[in-house]
Amino acid sequence: MKKSLLLLFLVVIIATLPLITQQGTEFGGADGEAEEAITKIHPEYKPWFNSIWEPPGAETESLLFALQAAIGAGFIGYFIGVMRQRNKQTKQELAEKSKHVTH
């Protein structure tokens, strides 16, 4: 329990430190950078399609991105947990089988 709290505290510090130390900067995404680069190379370029829905603000877009990341992390964590449990069960079953064979 203590180790988990310490790790959680470290994650919070690591996540907030750049936000505190880098004030006044804009954290833009790759989409905007790509659009800028394409416009410089080919000014007449027209996108093939437009977004179906544009989020009302940068905060909403960041929230959706964070939610997507959290869901992905939850899925990966669940998968790792299931695999560890299966591995543990398999080892336990093998140990029980070898116990029955020797007796």
PDB file of N, CA and C in Angstrom:
ATOM      1  N   MET A   1       0.827  -1.194   0.000  1.00  0.00           N
ATOM      2  CA  MET A   1       0.000   0.000   0.000  1.00  0.00           C
ATOM      3  C   MET A   1       0.872   1.258   0.000  1.00  0.00           C
ATOM      4  N   LYS A   2       1.911   1.259   0.842  1.00  0.00           N
ATOM      5  CA  LYS A   2       2.807   2.418   0.907  1.00  0.00           C
ATOM      6  C   LYS A   2       3.526   2.625  -0.422  1.00  0.00           C
ATOM      7  N   LYS A   3       3.928   1.505  -1.033  1.00  0.00           N
ATOM      8  CA  LYS A   3       4.648   1.583  -2.306  1.00  0.00           C
ATOM      9  C   LYS A   3       3.738   2.158  -3.394  1.00  0.00           C
ATOM     10  N   SER A   4       2.473   1.746  -3.408  1.00  0.00           N
ATOM     11  CA  SER A   4       1.520   2.254  -4.395  1.00  0.00           C
ATOM     12  C   SER A   4       1.294   3.752  -4.233  1.00  0.00           C
ATOM     13  N   LEU A   5       1.161   4.200  -3.005  1.00  0.00           N
ATOM     14  CA  LEU A   5       0.970   5.632  -2.760  1.00  0.00           C
ATOM     15  C   LEU A   5       2.189   6.436  -3.180  1.00  0.00           C
ATOM     16  N   LEU A   6       3.367   5.899  -2.927  1.00  0.00           N
ATOM     17  CA  LEU A   6       4.599   6.578  -3.320  1.00  0.00           C
ATOM     18  C   LEU A   6       4.674   6.680  -4.849  1.00  0.00           C
ATOM     19  N   LEU A   7       4.342   5.590  -5.533  1.00  0.00           N
ATOM     20  CA  LEU A   7       4.362   5.609  -6.993  1.00  0.00           C
ATOM     21  C   LEU A   7       3.320   6.581  -7.551  1.00  0.00           C
ATOM     22  N   LEU A   8       2.149   6.615  -6.956  1.00  0.00           N
ATOM     23  CA  LEU A   8       1.111   7.544  -7.389  1.00  0.00           C
ATOM     24  C   LEU A   8       1.581   8.983  -7.206  1.00  0.00           C
ATOM     25  N   PHE A   9       2.198   9.265  -6.077  1.00  0.00           N
ATOM     26  CA  PHE A   9       2.729  10.595  -5.803  1.00  0.00           C
ATOM     27  C   PHE A   9       3.789  10.974  -6.837  1.00  0.00           C
ATOM     28  N   LEU A  10       4.674  10.045  -7.185  1.00  0.00           N
ATOM     29  CA  LEU A  10       5.704  10.312  -8.184  1.00  0.00           C
ATOM     30  C   LEU A  10       5.096  10.588  -9.562  1.00  0.00           C
ATOM     31  N   VAL A  11       4.068   9.850  -9.918  1.00  0.00           N
ATOM     32  CA  VAL A  11       3.405  10.065 -11.203  1.00  0.00           C
ATOM     33  C   VAL A  11       2.786  11.461 -11.253  1.00  0.00           C
ATOM     34  N   VAL A  12       2.139  11.861 -10.170  1.00  0.00           N
ATOM     35  CA  VAL A  12       1.529  13.189 -10.120  1.00  0.00           C
ATOM     36  C   VAL A  12       2.602  14.271 -10.253  1.00  0.00           C
ATOM     37  N   ILE A  13       3.704  14.102  -9.564  1.00  0.00           N
ATOM     38  CA  ILE A  13       4.808  15.081  -9.641  1.00  0.00           C
ATOM     39  C   ILE A  13       5.364  15.149 -11.061  1.00  0.00           C
ATOM     40  N   ILE A  14       5.616  13.996 -11.663  1.00  0.00           N
ATOM     41  CA  ILE A  14       6.172  13.967 -13.018  1.00  0.00           C
ATOM     42  C   ILE A  14       5.201  14.586 -14.021  1.00  0.00           C
ATOM     43  N   ALA A  15       3.917  14.367 -13.837  1.00  0.00           N
ATOM     44  CA  ALA A  15       2.926  14.908 -14.770  1.00  0.00           C
ATOM     45  C   ALA A  15       2.735  16.413 -14.613  1.00  0.00           C
ATOM     46  N   THR A  16       2.818  16.927 -13.395  1.00  0.00           N
ATOM     47  CA  THR A  16       2.558  18.355 -13.173  1.00  0.00           C
ATOM     48  C   THR A  16       3.802  19.231 -13.284  1.00  0.00           C
ATOM     49  N   LEU A  17       4.970  18.668 -13.100  1.00  0.00           N
ATOM     50  CA  LEU A  17       6.207  19.452 -13.143  1.00  0.00           C
ATOM     51  C   LEU A  17       6.371  20.229 -14.455  1.00  0.00           C
ATOM     52  N   PRO A  18       6.191  19.612 -15.627  1.00  0.00           N
ATOM     53  CA  PRO A  18       6.324  20.391 -16.868  1.00  0.00           C
ATOM     54  C   PRO A  18       5.278  21.506 -16.979  1.00  0.00           C
ATOM     55  N   LEU A  19       4.088  21.275 -16.460  1.00  0.00           N
ATOM     56  CA  LEU A  19       3.046  22.303 -16.543  1.00  0.00           C
ATOM     57  C   LEU A  19       3.399  23.515 -15.685  1.00  0.00           C
ATOM     58  N   ILE A  20       4.088  23.276 -14.578  1.00  0.00           N
ATOM     59  CA  ILE A  20       4.483  24.367 -13.690  1.00  0.00           C
ATOM     60  C   ILE A  20       5.709  25.092 -14.235  1.00  0.00           C
ATOM     61  N   THR A  21       6.699  24.344 -14.695  1.00  0.00           N
ATOM     62  CA  THR A  21       7.961  24.948 -15.124  1.00  0.00           C
ATOM     63  C   THR A  21       7.890  25.567 -16.515  1.00  0.00           C
ATOM     64  N   GLN A  22       6.980  25.123 -17.358  1.00  0.00           N
ATOM     65  CA  GLN A  22       6.895  25.617 -18.733  1.00  0.00           C
ATOM     66  C   GLN A  22       5.664  26.495 -18.942  1.00  0.00           C
ATOM     67  N   GLN A  23       5.443  27.445 -18.083  1.00  0.00           N
ATOM     68  CA  GLN A  23       4.264  28.302 -18.193  1.00  0.00           C
ATOM     69  C   GLN A  23       4.366  29.206 -19.421  1.00  0.00           C
ATOM     70  N   GLY A  24       3.212  29.462 -20.007  1.00  0.00           N
ATOM     71  CA  GLY A  24       3.168  30.345 -21.170  1.00  0.00           C
ATOM     72  C   GLY A  24       3.453  29.653 -22.487  1.00  0.00           C
ATOM     73  N   THR A  25       3.651  28.338 -22.469  1.00  0.00           N
ATOM     74  CA  THR A  25       3.890  27.616 -23.716  1.00  0.00           C
ATOM     75  C   THR A  25       2.611  26.925 -24.149  1.00  0.00           C
ATOM     76  N   GLU A  26       2.549  26.649 -25.429  1.00  0.00           N
ATOM     77  CA  GLU A  26       1.374  25.972 -25.968  1.00  0.00           C
ATOM     78  C   GLU A  26       1.746  24.527 -26.261  1.00  0.00           C
ATOM     79  N   PHE A  27       0.962  23.623 -25.732  1.00  0.00           N
ATOM     80  CA  PHE A  27       1.187  22.210 -25.978  1.00  0.00           C
ATOM     81  C   PHE A  27       0.299  21.798 -27.149  1.00  0.00           C
ATOM     82  N   GLY A  28       0.828  21.900 -28.362  1.00  0.00           N
ATOM     83  CA  GLY A  28       0.063  21.577 -29.564  1.00  0.00           C
ATOM     84  C   GLY A  28       0.260  20.129 -29.961  1.00  0.00           C
ATOM     85  N   GLY A  29      -0.633  19.667 -30.806  1.00  0.00           N
ATOM     86  CA  GLY A  29      -0.556  18.283 -31.260  1.00  0.00           C
ATOM     87  C   GLY A  29       0.129  18.167 -32.606  1.00  0.00           C
ATOM     88  N   ALA A  30       0.292  16.952 -33.046  1.00  0.00           N
ATOM     89  CA  ALA A  30       0.954  16.678 -34.317  1.00  0.00           C
ATOM     90  C   ALA A  30       0.090  17.082 -35.504  1.00  0.00           C
ATOM     91  N   ASP A  31      -1.232  17.070 -35.328  1.00  0.00           N
ATOM     92  CA  ASP A  31      -2.121  17.429 -36.438  1.00  0.00           C
ATOM     93  C   ASP A  31      -1.871  18.856 -36.917  1.00  0.00           C
ATOM     94  N   GLY A  32      -1.767  19.773 -35.977  1.00  0.00           N
ATOM     95  CA  GLY A  32      -1.524  21.166 -36.332  1.00  0.00           C
ATOM     96  C   GLY A  32      -0.170  21.362 -36.998  1.00  0.00           C
ATOM     97  N   GLU A  33       0.832  20.661 -36.500  1.00  0.00           N
ATOM     98  CA  GLU A  33       2.173  20.748 -37.090  1.00  0.00           C
ATOM     99  C   GLU A  33       2.174  20.197 -38.515  1.00  0.00           C
ATOM    100  N   ALA A  34       1.480  19.090 -38.725  1.00  0.00           N
ATOM    101  CA  ALA A  34       1.422  18.488 -40.056  1.00  0.00           C
ATOM    102  C   ALA A  34       0.707  19.414 -41.035  1.00  0.00           C
ATOM    103  N   GLU A  35      -0.389  20.001 -40.593  1.00  0.00           N
ATOM    104  CA  GLU A  35      -1.136  20.917 -41.450  1.00  0.00           C
ATOM    105  C   GLU A  35      -0.273  22.114 -41.845  1.00  0.00           C
ATOM    106  N   GLU A  36       0.485  22.625 -40.899  1.00  0.00           N
ATOM    107  CA  GLU A  36       1.376  23.759 -41.167  1.00  0.00           C
ATOM    108  C   GLU A  36       2.447  23.391 -42.192  1.00  0.00           C
ATOM    109  N   ALA A  37       3.045  22.205 -42.029  1.00  0.00           N
ATOM    110  CA  ALA A  37       4.098  21.761 -42.943  1.00  0.00           C
ATOM    111  C   ALA A  37       3.552  21.550 -44.351  1.00  0.00           C
ATOM    112  N   ILE A  38       2.370  20.964 -44.464  1.00  0.00           N
ATOM    113  CA  ILE A  38       1.767  20.724 -45.780  1.00  0.00           C
ATOM    114  C   ILE A  38       1.440  22.048 -46.461  1.00  0.00           C
ATOM    115  N   THR A  39       0.930  22.996 -45.704  1.00  0.00           N
ATOM    116  CA  THR A  39       0.583  24.308 -46.267  1.00  0.00           C
ATOM    117  C   THR A  39       1.830  25.023 -46.775  1.00  0.00           C
ATOM    118  N   LYS A  40       2.952  24.878 -46.093  1.00  0.00           N
ATOM    119  CA  LYS A  40       4.207  25.489 -46.555  1.00  0.00           C
ATOM    120  C   LYS A  40       4.683  24.850 -47.857  1.00  0.00           C
ATOM    121  N   ILE A  41       4.561  23.530 -47.940  1.00  0.00           N
ATOM    122  CA  ILE A  41       5.034  22.809 -49.126  1.00  0.00           C
ATOM    123  C   ILE A  41       4.097  23.021 -50.317  1.00  0.00           C
ATOM    124  N   HIS A  42       2.799  22.949 -50.055  1.00  0.00           N
ATOM    125  CA  HIS A  42       1.796  23.027 -51.123  1.00  0.00           C
ATOM    126  C   HIS A  42       0.651  23.930 -50.666  1.00  0.00           C
ATOM    127  N   PRO A  43       0.766  25.258 -50.887  1.00  0.00           N
ATOM    128  CA  PRO A  43      -0.230  26.208 -50.378  1.00  0.00           C
ATOM    129  C   PRO A  43      -1.659  25.992 -50.903  1.00  0.00           C
ATOM    130  N   GLU A  44      -1.826  25.376 -52.082  1.00  0.00           N
ATOM    131  CA  GLU A  44      -3.164  25.173 -52.645  1.00  0.00           C
ATOM    132  C   GLU A  44      -3.819  23.883 -52.157  1.00  0.00           C
ATOM    133  N   TYR A  45      -3.164  23.172 -51.297  1.00  0.00           N
ATOM    134  CA  TYR A  45      -3.689  21.877 -50.838  1.00  0.00           C
ATOM    135  C   TYR A  45      -5.034  22.050 -50.127  1.00  0.00           C
ATOM    136  N   LYS A  46      -5.978  21.193 -50.481  1.00  0.00           N
ATOM    137  CA  LYS A  46      -7.289  21.158 -49.827  1.00  0.00           C
ATOM    138  C   LYS A  46      -7.448  19.780 -49.181  1.00  0.00           C
ATOM    139  N   PRO A  47      -7.843  19.731 -47.908  1.00  0.00           N
ATOM    140  CA  PRO A  47      -8.042  18.423 -47.250  1.00  0.00           C
ATOM    141  C   PRO A  47      -9.106  17.601 -47.966  1.00  0.00           C
ATOM    142  N   TRP A  48      -8.980  16.290 -47.902  1.00  0.00           N
ATOM    143  CA  TRP A  48      -9.931  15.390 -48.548  1.00  0.00           C
ATOM    144  C   TRP A  48     -11.288  15.434 -47.866  1.00  0.00           C
ATOM    145  N   PHE A  49     -11.277  15.603 -46.556  1.00  0.00           N
ATOM    146  CA  PHE A  49     -12.542  15.669 -45.818  1.00  0.00           C
ATOM    147  C   PHE A  49     -12.331  16.495 -44.563  1.00  0.00           C
ATOM    148  N   ASN A  50     -13.432  16.929 -43.977  1.00  0.00           N
ATOM    149  CA  ASN A  50     -13.382  17.708 -42.738  1.00  0.00           C
ATOM    150  C   ASN A  50     -13.853  16.853 -41.574  1.00  0.00           C
ATOM    151  N   SER A  51     -13.536  17.297 -40.381  1.00  0.00           N
ATOM    152  CA  SER A  51     -13.966  16.574 -39.188  1.00  0.00           C
ATOM    153  C   SER A  51     -15.483  16.550 -39.106  1.00  0.00           C
ATOM    154  N   ILE A  52     -16.010  15.447 -38.590  1.00  0.00           N
ATOM    155  CA  ILE A  52     -17.449  15.327 -38.407  1.00  0.00           C
ATOM    156  C   ILE A  52     -17.902  16.251 -37.282  1.00  0.00           C
ATOM    157  N   TRP A  53     -17.091  16.310 -36.220  1.00  0.00           N
ATOM    158  CA  TRP A  53     -17.420  17.116 -35.051  1.00  0.00           C
ATOM    159  C   TRP A  53     -16.164  17.803 -34.553  1.00  0.00           C
ATOM    160  N   GLU A  54     -16.232  19.064 -34.335  1.00  0.00           N
ATOM    161  CA  GLU A  54     -15.110  19.839 -33.806  1.00  0.00           C
ATOM    162  C   GLU A  54     -15.378  20.132 -32.331  1.00  0.00           C
ATOM    163  N   PRO A  55     -14.480  19.716 -31.436  1.00  0.00           N
ATOM    164  CA  PRO A  55     -14.696  19.993 -30.009  1.00  0.00           C
ATOM    165  C   PRO A  55     -14.806  21.494 -29.763  1.00  0.00           C
ATOM    166  N   PRO A  56     -15.619  21.891 -28.766  1.00  0.00           N
ATOM    167  CA  PRO A  56     -15.850  23.314 -28.518  1.00  0.00           C
ATOM    168  C   PRO A  56     -14.611  24.080 -28.056  1.00  0.00           C
ATOM    169  N   GLY A  57     -13.608  23.401 -27.536  1.00  0.00           N
ATOM    170  CA  GLY A  57     -12.412  24.103 -27.085  1.00  0.00           C
ATOM    171  C   GLY A  57     -11.246  23.158 -26.897  1.00  0.00           C
ATOM    172  N   ALA A  58     -10.087  23.728 -26.664  1.00  0.00           N
ATOM    173  CA  ALA A  58      -8.879  22.927 -26.483  1.00  0.00           C
ATOM    174  C   ALA A  58      -8.981  22.053 -25.233  1.00  0.00           C
ATOM    175  N   GLU A  59      -9.680  22.552 -24.211  1.00  0.00           N
ATOM    176  CA  GLU A  59      -9.820  21.776 -22.975  1.00  0.00           C
ATOM    177  C   GLU A  59     -10.609  20.495 -23.226  1.00  0.00           C
ATOM    178  N   THR A  60     -11.666  20.605 -24.030  1.00  0.00           N
ATOM    179  CA  THR A  60     -12.480  19.433 -24.348  1.00  0.00           C
ATOM    180  C   THR A  60     -11.665  18.434 -25.159  1.00  0.00           C
ATOM    181  N   GLU A  61     -10.893  18.936 -26.094  1.00  0.00           N
ATOM    182  CA  GLU A  61     -10.042  18.071 -26.907  1.00  0.00           C
ATOM    183  C   GLU A  61      -9.012  17.355 -26.032  1.00  0.00           C
ATOM    184  N   SER A  62      -8.428  18.081 -25.099  1.00  0.00           N
ATOM    185  CA  SER A  62      -7.458  17.474 -24.175  1.00  0.00           C
ATOM    186  C   SER A  62      -8.129  16.436 -23.288  1.00  0.00           C
ATOM    187  N   LEU A  63      -9.333  16.734 -22.831  1.00  0.00           N
ATOM    188  CA  LEU A  63     -10.071  15.793 -22.004  1.00  0.00           C
ATOM    189  C   LEU A  63     -10.346  14.502 -22.767  1.00  0.00           C
ATOM    190  N   LEU A  64     -10.785  14.618 -24.014  1.00  0.00           N
ATOM    191  CA  LEU A  64     -11.071  13.435 -24.817  1.00  0.00           C
ATOM    192  C   LEU A  64      -9.809  12.619 -25.079  1.00  0.00           C
ATOM    193  N   PHE A  65      -8.709  13.315 -25.322  1.00  0.00           N
ATOM    194  CA  PHE A  65      -7.438  12.618 -25.533  1.00  0.00           C
ATOM    195  C   PHE A  65      -7.012  11.887 -24.259  1.00  0.00           C
ATOM    196  N   ALA A  66      -7.143  12.543 -23.110  1.00  0.00           N
ATOM    197  CA  ALA A  66      -6.786  11.913 -21.834  1.00  0.00           C
ATOM    198  C   ALA A  66      -7.699  10.721 -21.540  1.00  0.00           C
ATOM    199  N   LEU A  67      -8.976  10.858 -21.866  1.00  0.00           N
ATOM    200  CA  LEU A  67      -9.914   9.749 -21.672  1.00  0.00           C
ATOM    201  C   LEU A  67      -9.538   8.564 -22.555  1.00  0.00           C
ATOM    202  N   GLN A  68      -9.178   8.845 -23.784  1.00  0.00           N
ATOM    203  CA  GLN A  68      -8.742   7.787 -24.698  1.00  0.00           C
ATOM    204  C   GLN A  68      -7.489   7.098 -24.156  1.00  0.00           C
ATOM    205  N   ALA A  69      -6.549   7.876 -23.653  1.00  0.00           N
ATOM    206  CA  ALA A  69      -5.322   7.301 -23.085  1.00  0.00           C
ATOM    207  C   ALA A  69      -5.633   6.462 -21.845  1.00  0.00           C
ATOM    208  N   ALA A  70      -6.552   6.935 -21.010  1.00  0.00           N
ATOM    209  CA  ALA A  70      -6.919   6.193 -19.795  1.00  0.00           C
ATOM    210  C   ALA A  70      -7.593   4.873 -20.141  1.00  0.00           C
ATOM    211  N   ILE A  71      -8.464   4.889 -21.130  1.00  0.00           N
ATOM    212  CA  ILE A  71      -9.122   3.647 -21.548  1.00  0.00           C
ATOM    213  C   ILE A  71      -8.083   2.666 -22.096  1.00  0.00           C
ATOM    214  N   GLY A  72      -7.170   3.160 -22.895  1.00  0.00           N
ATOM    215  CA  GLY A  72      -6.111   2.304 -23.432  1.00  0.00           C
ATOM    216  C   GLY A  72      -5.229   1.727 -22.332  1.00  0.00           C
ATOM    217  N   ALA A  73      -4.861   2.561 -21.373  1.00  0.00           N
ATOM    218  CA  ALA A  73      -4.036   2.096 -20.255  1.00  0.00           C
ATOM    219  C   ALA A  73      -4.800   1.081 -19.410  1.00  0.00           C
ATOM    220  N   GLY A  74      -6.090   1.307 -19.221  1.00  0.00           N
ATOM    221  CA  GLY A  74      -6.906   0.355 -18.469  1.00  0.00           C
ATOM    222  C   GLY A  74      -6.972  -0.984 -19.173  1.00  0.00           C
ATOM    223  N   PHE A  75      -7.126  -0.954 -20.486  1.00  0.00           N
ATOM    224  CA  PHE A  75      -7.173  -2.201 -21.261  1.00  0.00           C
ATOM    225  C   PHE A  75      -5.847  -2.943 -21.156  1.00  0.00           C
ATOM    226  N   ILE A  76      -4.748  -2.223 -21.296  1.00  0.00           N
ATOM    227  CA  ILE A  76      -3.426  -2.861 -21.212  1.00  0.00           C
ATOM    228  C   ILE A  76      -3.209  -3.434 -19.816  1.00  0.00           C
ATOM    229  N   GLY A  77      -3.562  -2.673 -18.785  1.00  0.00           N
ATOM    230  CA  GLY A  77      -3.421  -3.166 -17.412  1.00  0.00           C
ATOM    231  C   GLY A  77      -4.271  -4.397 -17.159  1.00  0.00           C
ATOM    232  N   TYR A  78      -5.492  -4.400 -17.670  1.00  0.00           N
ATOM    233  CA  TYR A  78      -6.379  -5.562 -17.515  1.00  0.00           C
ATOM    234  C   TYR A  78      -5.775  -6.780 -18.217  1.00  0.00           C
ATOM    235  N   PHE A  79      -5.285  -6.583 -19.428  1.00  0.00           N
ATOM    236  CA  PHE A  79      -4.692  -7.674 -20.196  1.00  0.00           C
ATOM    237  C   PHE A  79      -3.484  -8.259 -19.471  1.00  0.00           C
ATOM    238  N   ILE A  80      -2.624  -7.391 -18.955  1.00  0.00           N
ATOM    239  CA  ILE A  80      -1.449  -7.874 -18.216  1.00  0.00           C
ATOM    240  C   ILE A  80      -1.882  -8.636 -16.968  1.00  0.00           C
ATOM    241  N   GLY A  81      -2.884  -8.138 -16.266  1.00  0.00           N
ATOM    242  CA  GLY A  81      -3.388  -8.826 -15.076  1.00  0.00           C
ATOM    243  C   GLY A  81      -3.952 -10.192 -15.398  1.00  0.00           C
ATOM    244  N   VAL A  82      -4.718 -10.287 -16.475  1.00  0.00           N
ATOM    245  CA  VAL A  82      -5.283 -11.575 -16.887  1.00  0.00           C
ATOM    246  C   VAL A  82      -4.172 -12.557 -17.247  1.00  0.00           C
ATOM    247  N   MET A  83      -3.182 -12.074 -17.986  1.00  0.00           N
ATOM    248  CA  MET A  83      -2.081 -12.957 -18.386  1.00  0.00           C
ATOM    249  C   MET A  83      -1.273 -13.427 -17.177  1.00  0.00           C
ATOM    250  N   ARG A  84      -1.044 -12.555 -16.217  1.00  0.00           N
ATOM    251  CA  ARG A  84      -0.313 -12.960 -15.006  1.00  0.00           C
ATOM    252  C   ARG A  84      -1.100 -13.999 -14.220  1.00  0.00           C
ATOM    253  N   GLN A  85      -2.423 -13.809 -14.123  1.00  0.00           N
ATOM    254  CA  GLN A  85      -3.263 -14.764 -13.404  1.00  0.00           C
ATOM    255  C   GLN A  85      -3.270 -16.115 -14.102  1.00  0.00           C
ATOM    256  N   ARG A  86      -3.357 -16.109 -15.429  1.00  0.00           N
ATOM    257  CA  ARG A  86      -3.319 -17.370 -16.184  1.00  0.00           C
ATOM    258  C   ARG A  86      -1.995 -18.076 -15.970  1.00  0.00           C
ATOM    259  N   ASN A  87      -0.919 -17.308 -15.990  1.00  0.00           N
ATOM    260  CA  ASN A  87       0.412 -17.881 -15.793  1.00  0.00           C
ATOM    261  C   ASN A  87       0.523 -18.495 -14.399  1.00  0.00           C
ATOM    262  N   LYS A  88      -0.002 -17.784 -13.407  1.00  0.00           N
ATOM    263  CA  LYS A  88       0.024 -18.272 -12.028  1.00  0.00           C
ATOM    264  C   LYS A  88      -0.793 -19.563 -11.912  1.00  0.00           C
ATOM    265  N   GLN A  89      -1.973 -19.607 -12.545  1.00  0.00           N
ATOM    266  CA  GLN A  89      -2.826 -20.790 -12.502  1.00  0.00           C
ATOM    267  C   GLN A  89      -2.150 -21.971 -13.177  1.00  0.00           C
ATOM    268  N   THR A  90      -1.516 -21.719 -14.312  1.00  0.00           N
ATOM    269  CA  THR A  90      -0.837 -22.792 -15.037  1.00  0.00           C
ATOM    270  C   THR A  90       0.283 -23.375 -14.187  1.00  0.00           C
ATOM    271  N   LYS A  91       1.068 -22.525 -13.551  1.00  0.00           N
ATOM    272  CA  LYS A  91       2.148 -23.003 -12.690  1.00  0.00           C
ATOM    273  C   LYS A  91       1.594 -23.820 -11.528  1.00  0.00           C
ATOM    274  N   GLN A  92       0.480 -23.348 -10.980  1.00  0.00           N
ATOM    275  CA  GLN A  92      -0.145 -24.047  -9.853  1.00  0.00           C
ATOM    276  C   GLN A  92      -0.658 -25.419 -10.292  1.00  0.00           C
ATOM    277  N   GLU A  93      -1.281 -25.480 -11.457  1.00  0.00           N
ATOM    278  CA  GLU A  93      -1.786 -26.748 -11.972  1.00  0.00           C
ATOM    279  C   GLU A  93      -0.649 -27.716 -12.261  1.00  0.00           C
ATOM    280  N   LEU A  94       0.444 -27.220 -12.816  1.00  0.00           N
ATOM    281  CA  LEU A  94       1.600 -28.074 -13.082  1.00  0.00           C
ATOM    282  C   LEU A  94       2.206 -28.603 -11.784  1.00  0.00           C
ATOM    283  N   ALA A  95       2.250 -27.755 -10.780  1.00  0.00           N
ATOM    284  CA  ALA A  95       2.786 -28.177  -9.487  1.00  0.00           C
ATOM    285  C   ALA A  95       1.895 -29.258  -8.863  1.00  0.00           C
ATOM    286  N   GLU A  96       0.586 -29.129  -8.990  1.00  0.00           N
ATOM    287  CA  GLU A  96      -0.348 -30.117  -8.456  1.00  0.00           C
ATOM    288  C   GLU A  96      -0.225 -31.432  -9.229  1.00  0.00           C
ATOM    289  N   LYS A  97      -0.081 -31.374 -10.537  1.00  0.00           N
ATOM    290  CA  LYS A  97       0.063 -32.593 -11.343  1.00  0.00           C
ATOM    291  C   LYS A  97       1.341 -33.333 -10.999  1.00  0.00           C
ATOM    292  N   SER A  98       2.443 -32.566 -10.848  1.00  0.00           N
ATOM    293  CA  SER A  98       3.704 -33.225 -10.520  1.00  0.00           C
ATOM    294  C   SER A  98       3.663 -33.800  -9.095  1.00  0.00           C
ATOM    295  N   LYS A  99       2.879 -33.196  -8.236  1.00  0.00           N
ATOM    296  CA  LYS A  99       2.711 -33.699  -6.871  1.00  0.00           C
ATOM    297  C   LYS A  99       1.975 -35.047  -6.885  1.00  0.00           C
ATOM    298  N   HIS A 100       0.962 -35.148  -7.740  1.00  0.00           N
ATOM    299  CA  HIS A 100       0.180 -36.385  -7.837  1.00  0.00           C
ATOM    300  C   HIS A 100       0.983 -37.485  -8.513  1.00  0.00           C
ATOM    301  N   VAL A 101       1.823 -37.151  -9.450  1.00  0.00           N
ATOM    302  CA  VAL A 101       2.622 -38.139 -10.173  1.00  0.00           C
ATOM    303  C   VAL A 101       3.687 -38.743  -9.255  1.00  0.00           C
ATOM    304  N   THR A 102       4.311 -37.947  -8.422  1.00  0.00           N
ATOM    305  CA  THR A 102       5.373 -38.446  -7.541  1.00  0.00           C
ATOM    306  C   THR A 102       4.836 -39.277  -6.391  1.00  0.00           C
ATOM    307  N   HIS A 103       3.586 -39.104  -5.999  1.00  0.00           N
ATOM    308  CA  HIS A 103       3.036 -39.853  -4.849  1.00  0.00           C
ATOM    309  C   HIS A 103       2.325 -41.043  -5.312  1.00  0.00           C
TER     310      HIS A 103
END
